[in-house]
Amino acid sequence: MIHYSCDMCGKVIQTEEELRYVVKIEVYPADDVEEENEEFDALKDDLAEFNLEDDKEQEEGSDDGDDMEYKTLRFDLCPECHKAYVRDPLFVKSYRSRFFDN
């Protein structure tokens, strides 16, 4: 039997007794302006000529995911955390109240 835990609070989710909610997030660069992308690609090509060695080191080196263009994330949530997530999915309200509402 598969056991699930909430990725926000860590509580074990009893799938026989309560609902488990799945949150899927896609992160990717917006492709709004074709001209800017073309200029960026041209600049990137020019720089690549000068940084061939750096590029090889980056490809072989770190796999930290900072330069990934597309990424999907998946989280399991308990009913309580699901309610909180739906009210404030990016935690903007929580962040602002914690740091700016003094």
Protein backbone atom coordinates (compact mmCIF):
# COMPACT_ATOMS: atom_id res chain seq x y z
CA MET A 1 0.00 0.00 0.00
CA ILE A 2 1.26 3.47 -0.87
CA HIS A 3 1.52 6.02 1.92
CA TYR A 4 1.25 9.75 1.26
CA SER A 5 2.26 12.70 3.37
CA CYS A 6 1.41 16.36 2.91
CA ASP A 7 4.25 18.28 1.31
CA MET A 8 3.32 21.43 3.26
CA CYS A 9 2.75 20.26 6.83
CA GLY A 10 4.21 16.75 6.73
CA LYS A 11 1.04 15.09 8.06
CA VAL A 12 0.37 11.53 6.88
CA ILE A 13 -2.64 11.53 4.56
CA GLN A 14 -5.02 8.67 5.29
CA THR A 15 -6.31 8.06 1.76
CA GLU A 16 -9.04 5.73 3.02
CA GLU A 17 -10.46 8.46 5.28
CA GLU A 18 -9.62 11.81 3.64
CA LEU A 19 -8.99 13.35 0.27
CA ARG A 20 -5.49 13.89 -1.02
CA TYR A 21 -5.03 16.90 -3.27
CA VAL A 22 -2.39 17.11 -5.98
CA VAL A 23 -0.86 20.42 -7.03
CA LYS A 24 1.04 20.50 -10.33
CA ILE A 25 3.07 23.56 -11.26
CA GLU A 26 4.75 24.29 -14.57
CA VAL A 27 7.55 26.84 -14.69
CA TYR A 28 8.82 28.09 -18.04
CA PRO A 29 9.95 31.33 -19.63
CA ALA A 30 7.25 33.44 -21.26
CA ASP A 31 7.68 33.80 -24.98
CA ASP A 32 5.88 37.13 -25.33
CA VAL A 33 8.17 39.10 -27.59
CA GLU A 34 9.74 37.41 -30.62
CA GLU A 35 12.15 40.27 -31.37
CA GLU A 36 13.70 40.25 -27.91
CA ASN A 37 14.16 36.49 -28.11
CA GLU A 38 15.83 36.78 -31.52
CA GLU A 39 18.19 39.49 -30.23
CA PHE A 40 18.97 37.39 -27.18
CA ASP A 41 19.69 34.33 -29.33
CA ALA A 42 22.03 36.34 -31.56
CA LEU A 43 23.86 37.73 -28.52
CA LYS A 44 24.05 34.28 -26.99
CA ASP A 45 25.56 32.89 -30.21
CA ASP A 46 28.17 35.66 -30.26
CA LEU A 47 29.11 35.03 -26.64
CA ALA A 48 29.26 31.28 -27.21
CA GLU A 49 32.20 31.75 -29.56
CA PHE A 50 34.19 33.35 -26.76
CA ASN A 51 33.09 31.01 -23.99
CA LEU A 52 33.34 27.55 -25.49
CA GLU A 53 35.42 26.25 -22.61
CA ASP A 54 33.01 27.67 -20.00
CA ASP A 55 30.06 26.06 -21.78
CA LYS A 56 31.74 22.65 -21.73
CA GLU A 57 32.45 22.98 -18.00
CA GLN A 58 28.84 23.97 -17.28
CA GLU A 59 27.45 21.03 -19.24
CA GLU A 60 29.68 18.60 -17.38
CA GLY A 61 29.54 20.40 -14.06
CA SER A 62 26.74 21.36 -11.75
CA ASP A 63 23.21 20.04 -12.09
CA ASP A 64 21.58 22.59 -9.78
CA GLY A 65 18.65 23.34 -12.11
CA ASP A 66 19.08 27.13 -12.04
CA ASP A 67 19.20 27.44 -15.83
CA MET A 68 16.41 25.01 -16.68
CA GLU A 69 13.93 26.46 -19.12
CA TYR A 70 11.03 24.14 -18.27
CA LYS A 71 10.29 22.48 -14.98
CA THR A 72 7.28 20.72 -13.52
CA LEU A 73 6.64 20.37 -9.81
CA ARG A 74 4.15 18.06 -8.09
CA PHE A 75 2.96 18.22 -4.50
CA ASP A 76 0.51 16.23 -2.37
CA LEU A 77 -1.62 18.24 0.06
CA CYS A 78 -3.90 17.31 2.93
CA PRO A 79 -7.38 18.93 3.00
CA GLU A 80 -6.32 21.67 5.45
CA CYS A 81 -3.25 22.70 3.48
CA HIS A 82 -5.25 22.50 0.25
CA LYS A 83 -7.65 25.13 1.62
CA ALA A 84 -4.76 27.39 2.61
CA TYR A 85 -3.04 26.89 -0.74
CA VAL A 86 -6.15 27.74 -2.76
CA ARG A 87 -6.64 30.95 -0.74
CA ASP A 88 -3.03 32.08 -1.24
CA PRO A 89 -1.23 29.91 -3.84
CA LEU A 90 1.95 31.99 -3.98
CA PHE A 91 1.88 32.84 -0.26
CA VAL A 92 1.90 36.53 -1.14
CA LYS A 93 -0.60 37.44 1.59
CA SER A 94 1.32 35.43 4.17
CA TYR A 95 4.63 36.94 3.11
CA ARG A 96 3.34 40.50 3.16
CA SER A 97 1.64 40.13 6.52
CA ARG A 98 4.75 38.61 8.05
CA PHE A 99 7.25 41.17 6.79
CA PHE A 100 5.31 44.35 5.99
CA ASP A 101 2.27 44.59 8.28
CA ASN A 102 4.05 45.55 11.48
